């Protein structure tokens, strides 16, 4: 194959490869955090290290002080960042007792609910039914024999709520440059979660090993995914991006199986499939004017 057709082929598939690289990097970074940091500083300390270093890296990358910020925009960014911090903390708390892939699948209920609420067309009832079916297979409702820890599920649902709020508040700051809003949002998120981590883990957060792993986790699960997603969004409609990002629960489950030894049952894989199908269907049938950007700066 000559250079020109190969370049054309790579250009065509680059958005898919970028999104796949993004969710894979996120899965690897989160798996590292769960394996190496949880035993030392707990979920709260892990969240503090991960979000704190992510904020520092993104601030150095974008230098948001170069842009003017109005009072109204500052309020929007503060709400957006607070939701981002809450989402991170709730998600990592859920990982104490839930498999990574299932926590991500449950968390997807947040952006899916926002997407469907913004449309409210007849076809959306199909996606609602699929999502309910998937969640029904996972949630410990006393009817399906689920063995998932109720407290872990509660935290995952809390992360879903915060992800939905993150989208709502993020749209209010959507007119700002992405680097501006993301960097300041992560700074606010760090101000929310770092004190929680300090109270829980104390001086253990200053261990050289924790700091080194924290920087690696922040780079792999934040800096790389954010960069890849921003490149993909430049080449894709938002609904197409939503379809591609819907593979995140499956990728998370596969990465966790490889790195953490977390094996899921057939029913749990089926539940992930239902939630992914609901997310893809919602993105596929969304009207362009009402399309919801469900991309987070990879909090989970």
C-alpha atoms as a PDB file:
ATOM      1  CA  UNK A   1       0.000   0.000   0.000  1.00  0.00           C
ATOM      2  CA  UNK A   2       1.413   3.393  -0.995  1.00  0.00           C
ATOM      3  CA  UNK A   3       1.911   6.200   1.496  1.00  0.00           C
ATOM      4  CA  UNK A   4      -1.085   8.237   0.301  1.00  0.00           C
ATOM      5  CA  UNK A   5      -3.795   5.529   0.694  1.00  0.00           C
ATOM      6  CA  UNK A   6      -2.258   4.507   4.018  1.00  0.00           C
ATOM      7  CA  UNK A   7      -2.350   8.109   5.224  1.00  0.00           C
ATOM      8  CA  UNK A   8      -5.972   8.383   4.084  1.00  0.00           C
ATOM      9  CA  UNK A   9      -6.886   5.166   5.909  1.00  0.00           C
ATOM     10  CA  UNK A  10      -5.205   6.330   9.114  1.00  0.00           C
ATOM     11  CA  UNK A  11      -6.954   9.709   8.860  1.00  0.00           C
ATOM     12  CA  UNK A  12     -10.319   7.975   8.484  1.00  0.00           C
ATOM     13  CA  UNK A  13      -9.828   5.661  11.458  1.00  0.00           C
ATOM     14  CA  UNK A  14      -7.934   8.113  13.663  1.00  0.00           C
ATOM     15  CA  UNK A  15     -11.028   9.289  15.648  1.00  0.00           C
ATOM     16  CA  UNK A  16     -11.920   5.688  16.530  1.00  0.00           C
ATOM     17  CA  UNK A  17      -8.332   4.887  17.486  1.00  0.00           C
ATOM     18  CA  UNK A  18      -8.133   8.090  19.554  1.00  0.00           C
ATOM     19  CA  UNK A  19     -11.295   7.246  21.514  1.00  0.00           C
ATOM     20  CA  UNK A  20     -10.165   3.623  21.965  1.00  0.00           C
ATOM     21  CA  UNK A  21      -6.781   4.878  23.174  1.00  0.00           C
ATOM     22  CA  UNK A  22      -8.507   7.293  25.542  1.00  0.00           C
ATOM     23  CA  UNK A  23     -10.748   4.728  27.259  1.00  0.00           C
ATOM     24  CA  UNK A  24      -7.906   2.190  27.362  1.00  0.00           C
ATOM     25  CA  UNK A  25      -5.533   4.676  29.000  1.00  0.00           C
ATOM     26  CA  UNK A  26      -8.264   5.583  31.481  1.00  0.00           C
ATOM     27  CA  UNK A  27      -8.776   1.920  32.313  1.00  0.00           C
ATOM     28  CA  UNK A  28      -5.057   1.304  32.780  1.00  0.00           C
ATOM     29  CA  UNK A  29      -4.603   4.379  34.980  1.00  0.00           C
ATOM     30  CA  UNK A  30      -7.589   3.518  37.162  1.00  0.00           C
ATOM     31  CA  UNK A  31      -6.466  -0.102  37.487  1.00  0.00           C
ATOM     32  CA  UNK A  32      -3.008   1.068  38.567  1.00  0.00           C
ATOM     33  CA  UNK A  33      -4.619   3.353  41.131  1.00  0.00           C
ATOM     34  CA  UNK A  34      -6.782   0.569  42.542  1.00  0.00           C
ATOM     35  CA  UNK A  35      -3.899  -1.915  42.703  1.00  0.00           C
ATOM     36  CA  UNK A  36      -1.067   0.295  43.972  1.00  0.00           C
ATOM     37  CA  UNK A  37      -2.660   3.226  45.809  1.00  0.00           C
ATOM     38  CA  UNK A  38      -5.791   1.829  47.468  1.00  0.00           C
ATOM     39  CA  UNK A  39      -3.845  -0.385  49.928  1.00  0.00           C
ATOM     40  CA  UNK A  40      -1.655   2.560  50.990  1.00  0.00           C
ATOM     41  CA  UNK A  41      -3.884   5.674  51.047  1.00  0.00           C
ATOM     42  CA  UNK A  42      -7.396   4.300  50.493  1.00  0.00           C
ATOM     43  CA  UNK A  43      -9.975   5.461  47.980  1.00  0.00           C
ATOM     44  CA  UNK A  44     -10.058   8.990  49.416  1.00  0.00           C
ATOM     45  CA  UNK A  45      -6.293   9.406  49.283  1.00  0.00           C
ATOM     46  CA  UNK A  46      -6.185   7.921  45.789  1.00  0.00           C
ATOM     47  CA  UNK A  47      -8.775  10.429  44.606  1.00  0.00           C
ATOM     48  CA  UNK A  48      -6.779  13.281  46.144  1.00  0.00           C
ATOM     49  CA  UNK A  49      -3.523  12.209  44.512  1.00  0.00           C
ATOM     50  CA  UNK A  50      -5.102  11.467  41.146  1.00  0.00           C
ATOM     51  CA  UNK A  51      -7.182  14.650  40.885  1.00  0.00           C
ATOM     52  CA  UNK A  52      -4.522  16.847  42.494  1.00  0.00           C
ATOM     53  CA  UNK A  53      -1.785  15.839  40.070  1.00  0.00           C
ATOM     54  CA  UNK A  54      -4.230  15.881  37.132  1.00  0.00           C
ATOM     55  CA  UNK A  55      -5.129  19.476  37.973  1.00  0.00           C
ATOM     56  CA  UNK A  56      -1.451  20.423  38.244  1.00  0.00           C
ATOM     57  CA  UNK A  57      -0.570  18.814  34.898  1.00  0.00           C
ATOM     58  CA  UNK A  58      -3.508  20.397  33.063  1.00  0.00           C
ATOM     59  CA  UNK A  59      -2.870  23.817  34.636  1.00  0.00           C
ATOM     60  CA  UNK A  60       0.728  23.726  33.434  1.00  0.00           C
ATOM     61  CA  UNK A  61      -0.434  22.600  29.999  1.00  0.00           C
ATOM     62  CA  UNK A  62      -3.163  25.219  29.424  1.00  0.00           C
ATOM     63  CA  UNK A  63      -2.147  28.110  31.729  1.00  0.00           C
ATOM     64  CA  UNK A  64      -5.744  29.335  32.204  1.00  0.00           C
ATOM     65  CA  UNK A  65      -4.636  32.624  33.780  1.00  0.00           C
ATOM     66  CA  UNK A  66      -4.075  33.860  30.218  1.00  0.00           C
ATOM     67  CA  UNK A  67      -7.867  34.162  29.680  1.00  0.00           C
ATOM     68  CA  UNK A  68     -10.382  36.534  31.236  1.00  0.00           C
ATOM     69  CA  UNK A  69     -13.078  34.958  33.407  1.00  0.00           C
ATOM     70  CA  UNK A  70     -16.315  36.812  34.171  1.00  0.00           C
ATOM     71  CA  UNK A  71     -18.113  36.429  37.480  1.00  0.00           C
ATOM     72  CA  UNK A  72     -20.913  34.395  35.865  1.00  0.00           C
ATOM     73  CA  UNK A  73     -18.396  32.112  34.159  1.00  0.00           C
ATOM     74  CA  UNK A  74     -16.519  31.698  37.445  1.00  0.00           C
ATOM     75  CA  UNK A  75     -19.725  30.469  39.128  1.00  0.00           C
ATOM     76  CA  UNK A  76     -20.346  28.029  36.265  1.00  0.00           C
ATOM     77  CA  UNK A  77     -16.787  26.699  36.456  1.00  0.00           C
ATOM     78  CA  UNK A  78     -17.030  26.294  40.234  1.00  0.00           C
ATOM     79  CA  UNK A  79     -20.210  24.212  39.949  1.00  0.00           C
ATOM     80  CA  UNK A  80     -18.711  22.231  37.083  1.00  0.00           C
ATOM     81  CA  UNK A  81     -15.525  21.543  39.044  1.00  0.00           C
ATOM     82  CA  UNK A  82     -17.369  20.663  42.246  1.00  0.00           C
ATOM     83  CA  UNK A  83     -19.451  18.117  40.322  1.00  0.00           C
ATOM     84  CA  UNK A  84     -16.271  16.725  38.781  1.00  0.00           C
ATOM     85  CA  UNK A  85     -14.679  16.354  42.218  1.00  0.00           C
ATOM     86  CA  UNK A  86     -17.765  14.651  43.619  1.00  0.00           C
ATOM     87  CA  UNK A  87     -17.886  12.288  40.655  1.00  0.00           C
ATOM     88  CA  UNK A  88     -14.252  11.261  41.137  1.00  0.00           C
ATOM     89  CA  UNK A  89     -14.610  10.734  44.880  1.00  0.00           C
ATOM     90  CA  UNK A  90     -17.835   8.725  44.593  1.00  0.00           C
ATOM     91  CA  UNK A  91     -16.423   6.593  41.780  1.00  0.00           C
ATOM     92  CA  UNK A  92     -13.232   5.693  43.623  1.00  0.00           C
ATOM     93  CA  UNK A  93     -15.227   4.953  46.769  1.00  0.00           C
ATOM     94  CA  UNK A  94     -17.326   2.518  44.726  1.00  0.00           C
ATOM     95  CA  UNK A  95     -14.180   0.739  43.500  1.00  0.00           C
ATOM     96  CA  UNK A  96     -13.409  -0.409  47.050  1.00  0.00           C
ATOM     97  CA  UNK A  97     -16.043  -3.142  46.711  1.00  0.00           C
ATOM     98  CA  UNK A  98     -17.165  -3.188  43.053  1.00  0.00           C
ATOM     99  CA  UNK A  99     -15.378  -4.527  39.968  1.00  0.00           C
ATOM    100  CA  UNK A 100     -14.099  -1.676  37.802  1.00  0.00           C
ATOM    101  CA  UNK A 101     -16.180  -2.520  34.728  1.00  0.00           C
ATOM    102  CA  UNK A 102     -19.435  -2.758  36.682  1.00  0.00           C
ATOM    103  CA  UNK A 103     -18.791   0.536  38.493  1.00  0.00           C
ATOM    104  CA  UNK A 104     -18.307   2.248  35.125  1.00  0.00           C
ATOM    105  CA  UNK A 105     -21.472   0.648  33.744  1.00  0.00           C
ATOM    106  CA  UNK A 106     -23.559   1.866  36.684  1.00  0.00           C
ATOM    107  CA  UNK A 107     -21.963   5.319  36.469  1.00  0.00           C
ATOM    108  CA  UNK A 108     -23.058   5.559  32.819  1.00  0.00           C
ATOM    109  CA  UNK A 109     -26.654   5.932  34.051  1.00  0.00           C
ATOM    110  CA  UNK A 110     -25.848   9.610  34.718  1.00  0.00           C
ATOM    111  CA  UNK A 111     -24.950  10.816  31.214  1.00  0.00           C
ATOM    112  CA  UNK A 112     -27.528   8.475  29.713  1.00  0.00           C
ATOM    113  CA  UNK A 113     -30.278  10.032  31.851  1.00  0.00           C
ATOM    114  CA  UNK A 114     -29.216  13.548  30.826  1.00  0.00           C
ATOM    115  CA  UNK A 115     -29.115  12.591  27.139  1.00  0.00           C
ATOM    116  CA  UNK A 116     -32.575  11.009  27.225  1.00  0.00           C
ATOM    117  CA  UNK A 117     -34.066  13.808  29.329  1.00  0.00           C
ATOM    118  CA  UNK A 118     -32.868  16.383  26.814  1.00  0.00           C
ATOM    119  CA  UNK A 119     -34.607  14.541  23.970  1.00  0.00           C
ATOM    120  CA  UNK A 120     -37.742  12.812  25.336  1.00  0.00           C
ATOM    121  CA  UNK A 121     -38.797  11.233  22.043  1.00  0.00           C
ATOM    122  CA  UNK A 122     -40.699   7.961  21.681  1.00  0.00           C
ATOM    123  CA  UNK A 123     -37.608   5.998  20.647  1.00  0.00           C
ATOM    124  CA  UNK A 124     -35.901   6.996  23.877  1.00  0.00           C
ATOM    125  CA  UNK A 125     -38.204   4.663  25.799  1.00  0.00           C
ATOM    126  CA  UNK A 126     -36.352   1.797  24.105  1.00  0.00           C
ATOM    127  CA  UNK A 127     -33.044   3.052  25.496  1.00  0.00           C
ATOM    128  CA  UNK A 128     -34.613   3.622  28.920  1.00  0.00           C
ATOM    129  CA  UNK A 129     -35.870   0.027  28.926  1.00  0.00           C
ATOM    130  CA  UNK A 130     -32.440  -1.302  27.937  1.00  0.00           C
ATOM    131  CA  UNK A 131     -30.704   0.762  30.620  1.00  0.00           C
ATOM    132  CA  UNK A 132     -33.203  -0.346  33.288  1.00  0.00           C
ATOM    133  CA  UNK A 133     -32.744  -3.958  32.220  1.00  0.00           C
ATOM    134  CA  UNK A 134     -28.971  -3.646  32.495  1.00  0.00           C
ATOM    135  CA  UNK A 135     -29.081  -1.918  35.862  1.00  0.00           C
ATOM    136  CA  UNK A 136     -31.677  -4.408  37.087  1.00  0.00           C
ATOM    137  CA  UNK A 137     -29.186  -7.215  36.479  1.00  0.00           C
ATOM    138  CA  UNK A 138     -26.555  -5.407  38.569  1.00  0.00           C
ATOM    139  CA  UNK A 139     -28.305  -3.613  41.406  1.00  0.00           C
ATOM    140  CA  UNK A 140     -28.934  -5.574  44.626  1.00  0.00           C
ATOM    141  CA  UNK A 141     -32.715  -5.175  44.505  1.00  0.00           C
ATOM    142  CA  UNK A 142     -33.481  -8.478  46.224  1.00  0.00           C
ATOM    143  CA  UNK A 143     -35.046  -9.890  43.067  1.00  0.00           C
ATOM    144  CA  UNK A 144     -32.128 -10.897  40.887  1.00  0.00           C
ATOM    145  CA  UNK A 145     -29.708 -12.590  43.248  1.00  0.00           C
ATOM    146  CA  UNK A 146     -27.119  -9.820  42.768  1.00  0.00           C
ATOM    147  CA  UNK A 147     -24.098 -10.202  45.011  1.00  0.00           C
ATOM    148  CA  UNK A 148     -22.822  -6.659  44.520  1.00  0.00           C
ATOM    149  CA  UNK A 149     -22.127  -4.702  47.677  1.00  0.00           C
ATOM    150  CA  UNK A 150     -25.026  -2.261  48.287  1.00  0.00           C
ATOM    151  CA  UNK A 151     -22.688   0.433  49.643  1.00  0.00           C
ATOM    152  CA  UNK A 152     -20.478   0.185  46.548  1.00  0.00           C
ATOM    153  CA  UNK A 153     -23.538   0.411  44.321  1.00  0.00           C
ATOM    154  CA  UNK A 154     -24.707   3.475  46.266  1.00  0.00           C
ATOM    155  CA  UNK A 155     -21.381   5.197  45.608  1.00  0.00           C
ATOM    156  CA  UNK A 156     -21.489   4.243  41.904  1.00  0.00           C
ATOM    157  CA  UNK A 157     -25.002   5.695  41.623  1.00  0.00           C
ATOM    158  CA  UNK A 158     -23.734   8.808  43.411  1.00  0.00           C
ATOM    159  CA  UNK A 159     -20.993   9.070  40.786  1.00  0.00           C
ATOM    160  CA  UNK A 160     -23.705   8.768  38.109  1.00  0.00           C
ATOM    161  CA  UNK A 161     -25.622  11.675  39.650  1.00  0.00           C
ATOM    162  CA  UNK A 162     -22.489  13.816  39.789  1.00  0.00           C
ATOM    163  CA  UNK A 163     -21.634  12.909  36.175  1.00  0.00           C
ATOM    164  CA  UNK A 164     -25.080  14.130  35.145  1.00  0.00           C
ATOM    165  CA  UNK A 165     -24.573  17.364  37.089  1.00  0.00           C
ATOM    166  CA  UNK A 166     -21.115  17.719  35.563  1.00  0.00           C
ATOM    167  CA  UNK A 167     -22.701  17.676  32.093  1.00  0.00           C
ATOM    168  CA  UNK A 168     -25.412  20.173  33.038  1.00  0.00           C
ATOM    169  CA  UNK A 169     -22.963  22.615  34.651  1.00  0.00           C
ATOM    170  CA  UNK A 170     -20.361  21.998  31.952  1.00  0.00           C
ATOM    171  CA  UNK A 171     -22.762  23.165  29.265  1.00  0.00           C
ATOM    172  CA  UNK A 172     -23.071  26.485  31.108  1.00  0.00           C
ATOM    173  CA  UNK A 173     -19.323  26.931  30.659  1.00  0.00           C
ATOM    174  CA  UNK A 174     -19.355  25.426  27.181  1.00  0.00           C
ATOM    175  CA  UNK A 175     -18.604  28.749  25.464  1.00  0.00           C
ATOM    176  CA  UNK A 176     -15.198  28.908  27.158  1.00  0.00           C
ATOM    177  CA  UNK A 177     -12.101  27.412  25.543  1.00  0.00           C
ATOM    178  CA  UNK A 178     -11.902  23.720  26.478  1.00  0.00           C
ATOM    179  CA  UNK A 179      -8.454  24.153  28.002  1.00  0.00           C
ATOM    180  CA  UNK A 180      -9.724  27.063  30.084  1.00  0.00           C
ATOM    181  CA  UNK A 181     -12.788  25.329  31.514  1.00  0.00           C
ATOM    182  CA  UNK A 182     -11.142  21.918  31.990  1.00  0.00           C
ATOM    183  CA  UNK A 183      -8.061  23.249  33.764  1.00  0.00           C
ATOM    184  CA  UNK A 184     -10.025  25.492  36.123  1.00  0.00           C
ATOM    185  CA  UNK A 185     -12.645  22.774  36.634  1.00  0.00           C
ATOM    186  CA  UNK A 186      -9.966  20.305  37.672  1.00  0.00           C
ATOM    187  CA  UNK A 187      -8.498  22.912  40.027  1.00  0.00           C
ATOM    188  CA  UNK A 188     -11.876  23.278  41.761  1.00  0.00           C
ATOM    189  CA  UNK A 189     -12.253  19.482  41.826  1.00  0.00           C
ATOM    190  CA  UNK A 190      -8.862  19.218  43.524  1.00  0.00           C
ATOM    191  CA  UNK A 191      -9.909  21.792  46.126  1.00  0.00           C
ATOM    192  CA  UNK A 192     -12.956  19.588  46.850  1.00  0.00           C
ATOM    193  CA  UNK A 193     -11.270  16.180  47.113  1.00  0.00           C
ATOM    194  CA  UNK A 194      -7.717  16.870  48.307  1.00  0.00           C
ATOM    195  CA  UNK A 195      -8.818  17.914  51.840  1.00  0.00           C
ATOM    196  CA  UNK A 196     -10.869  14.699  52.081  1.00  0.00           C
ATOM    197  CA  UNK A 197      -7.829  12.660  51.096  1.00  0.00           C
ATOM    198  CA  UNK A 198      -5.571  14.519  53.529  1.00  0.00           C
ATOM    199  CA  UNK A 199      -7.956  13.919  56.422  1.00  0.00           C
ATOM    200  CA  UNK A 200      -8.195  10.219  55.564  1.00  0.00           C
ATOM    201  CA  UNK A 201      -4.597   9.348  54.580  1.00  0.00           C
ATOM    202  CA  UNK A 202      -2.550  12.077  56.262  1.00  0.00           C
ATOM    203  CA  UNK A 203       1.223  11.957  55.846  1.00  0.00           C
ATOM    204  CA  UNK A 204       1.021   8.748  53.778  1.00  0.00           C
ATOM    205  CA  UNK A 205       0.164  10.973  50.796  1.00  0.00           C
ATOM    206  CA  UNK A 206       3.707  12.377  50.933  1.00  0.00           C
ATOM    207  CA  UNK A 207       5.371   8.999  50.507  1.00  0.00           C
ATOM    208  CA  UNK A 208       7.731   9.131  47.485  1.00  0.00           C
ATOM    209  CA  UNK A 209       6.197   5.933  46.103  1.00  0.00           C
ATOM    210  CA  UNK A 210       2.653   7.357  46.378  1.00  0.00           C
ATOM    211  CA  UNK A 211       3.692  10.626  44.735  1.00  0.00           C
ATOM    212  CA  UNK A 212       5.476   8.841  41.886  1.00  0.00           C
ATOM    213  CA  UNK A 213       2.592   6.477  41.189  1.00  0.00           C
ATOM    214  CA  UNK A 214       0.157   9.378  41.563  1.00  0.00           C
ATOM    215  CA  UNK A 215       1.900  11.347  38.819  1.00  0.00           C
ATOM    216  CA  UNK A 216       1.858   8.286  36.546  1.00  0.00           C
ATOM    217  CA  UNK A 217      -1.835   7.643  37.241  1.00  0.00           C
ATOM    218  CA  UNK A 218      -2.707  11.298  36.619  1.00  0.00           C
ATOM    219  CA  UNK A 219      -0.830  11.338  33.319  1.00  0.00           C
ATOM    220  CA  UNK A 220      -2.240   8.051  32.029  1.00  0.00           C
ATOM    221  CA  UNK A 221      -5.815   8.507  33.247  1.00  0.00           C
ATOM    222  CA  UNK A 222      -6.171  12.271  32.645  1.00  0.00           C
ATOM    223  CA  UNK A 223      -3.611  14.014  30.456  1.00  0.00           C
ATOM    224  CA  UNK A 224      -3.527  11.327  27.753  1.00  0.00           C
ATOM    225  CA  UNK A 225      -7.304  10.676  27.575  1.00  0.00           C
ATOM    226  CA  UNK A 226      -8.145  14.391  27.566  1.00  0.00           C
ATOM    227  CA  UNK A 227      -5.723  15.053  24.711  1.00  0.00           C
ATOM    228  CA  UNK A 228      -6.967  12.104  22.653  1.00  0.00           C
ATOM    229  CA  UNK A 229     -10.630  12.975  23.207  1.00  0.00           C
ATOM    230  CA  UNK A 230     -10.126  16.605  22.232  1.00  0.00           C
ATOM    231  CA  UNK A 231      -8.460  15.461  18.991  1.00  0.00           C
ATOM    232  CA  UNK A 232     -11.298  13.020  18.301  1.00  0.00           C
ATOM    233  CA  UNK A 233     -13.999  15.626  18.969  1.00  0.00           C
ATOM    234  CA  UNK A 234     -12.463  17.917  16.350  1.00  0.00           C
ATOM    235  CA  UNK A 235     -13.113  15.232  13.721  1.00  0.00           C
ATOM    236  CA  UNK A 236     -16.416  13.766  14.907  1.00  0.00           C
ATOM    237  CA  UNK A 237     -20.013  14.924  15.457  1.00  0.00           C
ATOM    238  CA  UNK A 238     -20.919  14.783  19.147  1.00  0.00           C
ATOM    239  CA  UNK A 239     -23.399  11.926  18.632  1.00  0.00           C
ATOM    240  CA  UNK A 240     -20.730   9.825  16.872  1.00  0.00           C
ATOM    241  CA  UNK A 241     -18.345  10.533  19.733  1.00  0.00           C
ATOM    242  CA  UNK A 242     -21.084   9.458  22.164  1.00  0.00           C
ATOM    243  CA  UNK A 243     -21.456   6.146  20.348  1.00  0.00           C
ATOM    244  CA  UNK A 244     -17.719   5.480  20.480  1.00  0.00           C
ATOM    245  CA  UNK A 245     -17.273   6.481  24.123  1.00  0.00           C
ATOM    246  CA  UNK A 246     -20.043   4.019  25.008  1.00  0.00           C
ATOM    247  CA  UNK A 247     -17.511   1.204  24.733  1.00  0.00           C
ATOM    248  CA  UNK A 248     -15.884   2.427  27.952  1.00  0.00           C
ATOM    249  CA  UNK A 249     -17.621  -0.067  30.331  1.00  0.00           C
ATOM    250  CA  UNK A 250     -16.531  -3.039  28.211  1.00  0.00           C
ATOM    251  CA  UNK A 251     -12.965  -1.752  27.843  1.00  0.00           C
ATOM    252  CA  UNK A 252     -12.818  -1.072  31.597  1.00  0.00           C
ATOM    253  CA  UNK A 253     -13.998  -4.620  32.329  1.00  0.00           C
ATOM    254  CA  UNK A 254     -11.429  -6.130  29.955  1.00  0.00           C
ATOM    255  CA  UNK A 255      -8.572  -4.034  31.354  1.00  0.00           C
ATOM    256  CA  UNK A 256      -9.587  -4.905  34.928  1.00  0.00           C
ATOM    257  CA  UNK A 257      -9.738  -8.593  34.002  1.00  0.00           C
ATOM    258  CA  UNK A 258      -6.203  -8.415  32.610  1.00  0.00           C
ATOM    259  CA  UNK A 259      -4.600  -6.202  35.281  1.00  0.00           C
ATOM    260  CA  UNK A 260      -6.675  -6.853  38.401  1.00  0.00           C
ATOM    261  CA  UNK A 261      -7.985 -10.370  37.829  1.00  0.00           C
ATOM    262  CA  UNK A 262     -11.607  -9.164  38.059  1.00  0.00           C
ATOM    263  CA  UNK A 263     -13.707 -11.738  36.217  1.00  0.00           C
ATOM    264  CA  UNK A 264     -17.396 -11.056  35.577  1.00  0.00           C
ATOM    265  CA  UNK A 265     -20.274 -13.488  35.223  1.00  0.00           C
ATOM    266  CA  UNK A 266     -22.246 -13.964  32.003  1.00  0.00           C
ATOM    267  CA  UNK A 267     -25.161 -12.018  33.497  1.00  0.00           C
ATOM    268  CA  UNK A 268     -22.875  -9.129  34.415  1.00  0.00           C
ATOM    269  CA  UNK A 269     -21.426  -9.015  30.896  1.00  0.00           C
ATOM    270  CA  UNK A 270     -24.995  -9.048  29.554  1.00  0.00           C
ATOM    271  CA  UNK A 271     -25.848  -6.140  31.852  1.00  0.00           C
ATOM    272  CA  UNK A 272     -22.853  -4.172  30.545  1.00  0.00           C
ATOM    273  CA  UNK A 273     -24.007  -4.957  26.991  1.00  0.00           C
ATOM    274  CA  UNK A 274     -27.515  -3.613  27.706  1.00  0.00           C
ATOM    275  CA  UNK A 275     -26.180  -0.368  29.192  1.00  0.00           C
ATOM    276  CA  UNK A 276     -23.748   0.087  26.305  1.00  0.00           C
ATOM    277  CA  UNK A 277     -26.539  -0.550  23.773  1.00  0.00           C
ATOM    278  CA  UNK A 278     -28.744   2.013  25.521  1.00  0.00           C
ATOM    279  CA  UNK A 279     -25.937   4.576  25.479  1.00  0.00           C
ATOM    280  CA  UNK A 280     -25.085   3.919  21.827  1.00  0.00           C
ATOM    281  CA  UNK A 281     -28.737   4.004  20.797  1.00  0.00           C
ATOM    282  CA  UNK A 282     -29.334   7.264  22.632  1.00  0.00           C
ATOM    283  CA  UNK A 283     -26.319   8.865  20.944  1.00  0.00           C
ATOM    284  CA  UNK A 284     -27.253   7.446  17.538  1.00  0.00           C
ATOM    285  CA  UNK A 285     -30.843   8.733  17.549  1.00  0.00           C
ATOM    286  CA  UNK A 286     -30.169  12.073  19.254  1.00  0.00           C
ATOM    287  CA  UNK A 287     -31.169  15.079  17.194  1.00  0.00           C
ATOM    288  CA  UNK A 288     -28.152  17.202  16.400  1.00  0.00           C
ATOM    289  CA  UNK A 289     -29.431  20.393  18.078  1.00  0.00           C
ATOM    290  CA  UNK A 290     -30.158  18.471  21.262  1.00  0.00           C
ATOM    291  CA  UNK A 291     -27.050  16.338  21.276  1.00  0.00           C
ATOM    292  CA  UNK A 292     -25.415  16.106  24.661  1.00  0.00           C
ATOM    293  CA  UNK A 293     -21.648  16.065  24.992  1.00  0.00           C
ATOM    294  CA  UNK A 294     -21.077  13.279  27.503  1.00  0.00           C
ATOM    295  CA  UNK A 295     -17.328  13.523  27.568  1.00  0.00           C
ATOM    296  CA  UNK A 296     -15.783  14.166  30.925  1.00  0.00           C
ATOM    297  CA  UNK A 297     -12.153  15.067  31.454  1.00  0.00           C
ATOM    298  CA  UNK A 298     -11.866  11.373  32.336  1.00  0.00           C
ATOM    299  CA  UNK A 299     -12.838  11.424  35.888  1.00  0.00           C
ATOM    300  CA  UNK A 300     -13.633   7.797  36.140  1.00  0.00           C
END
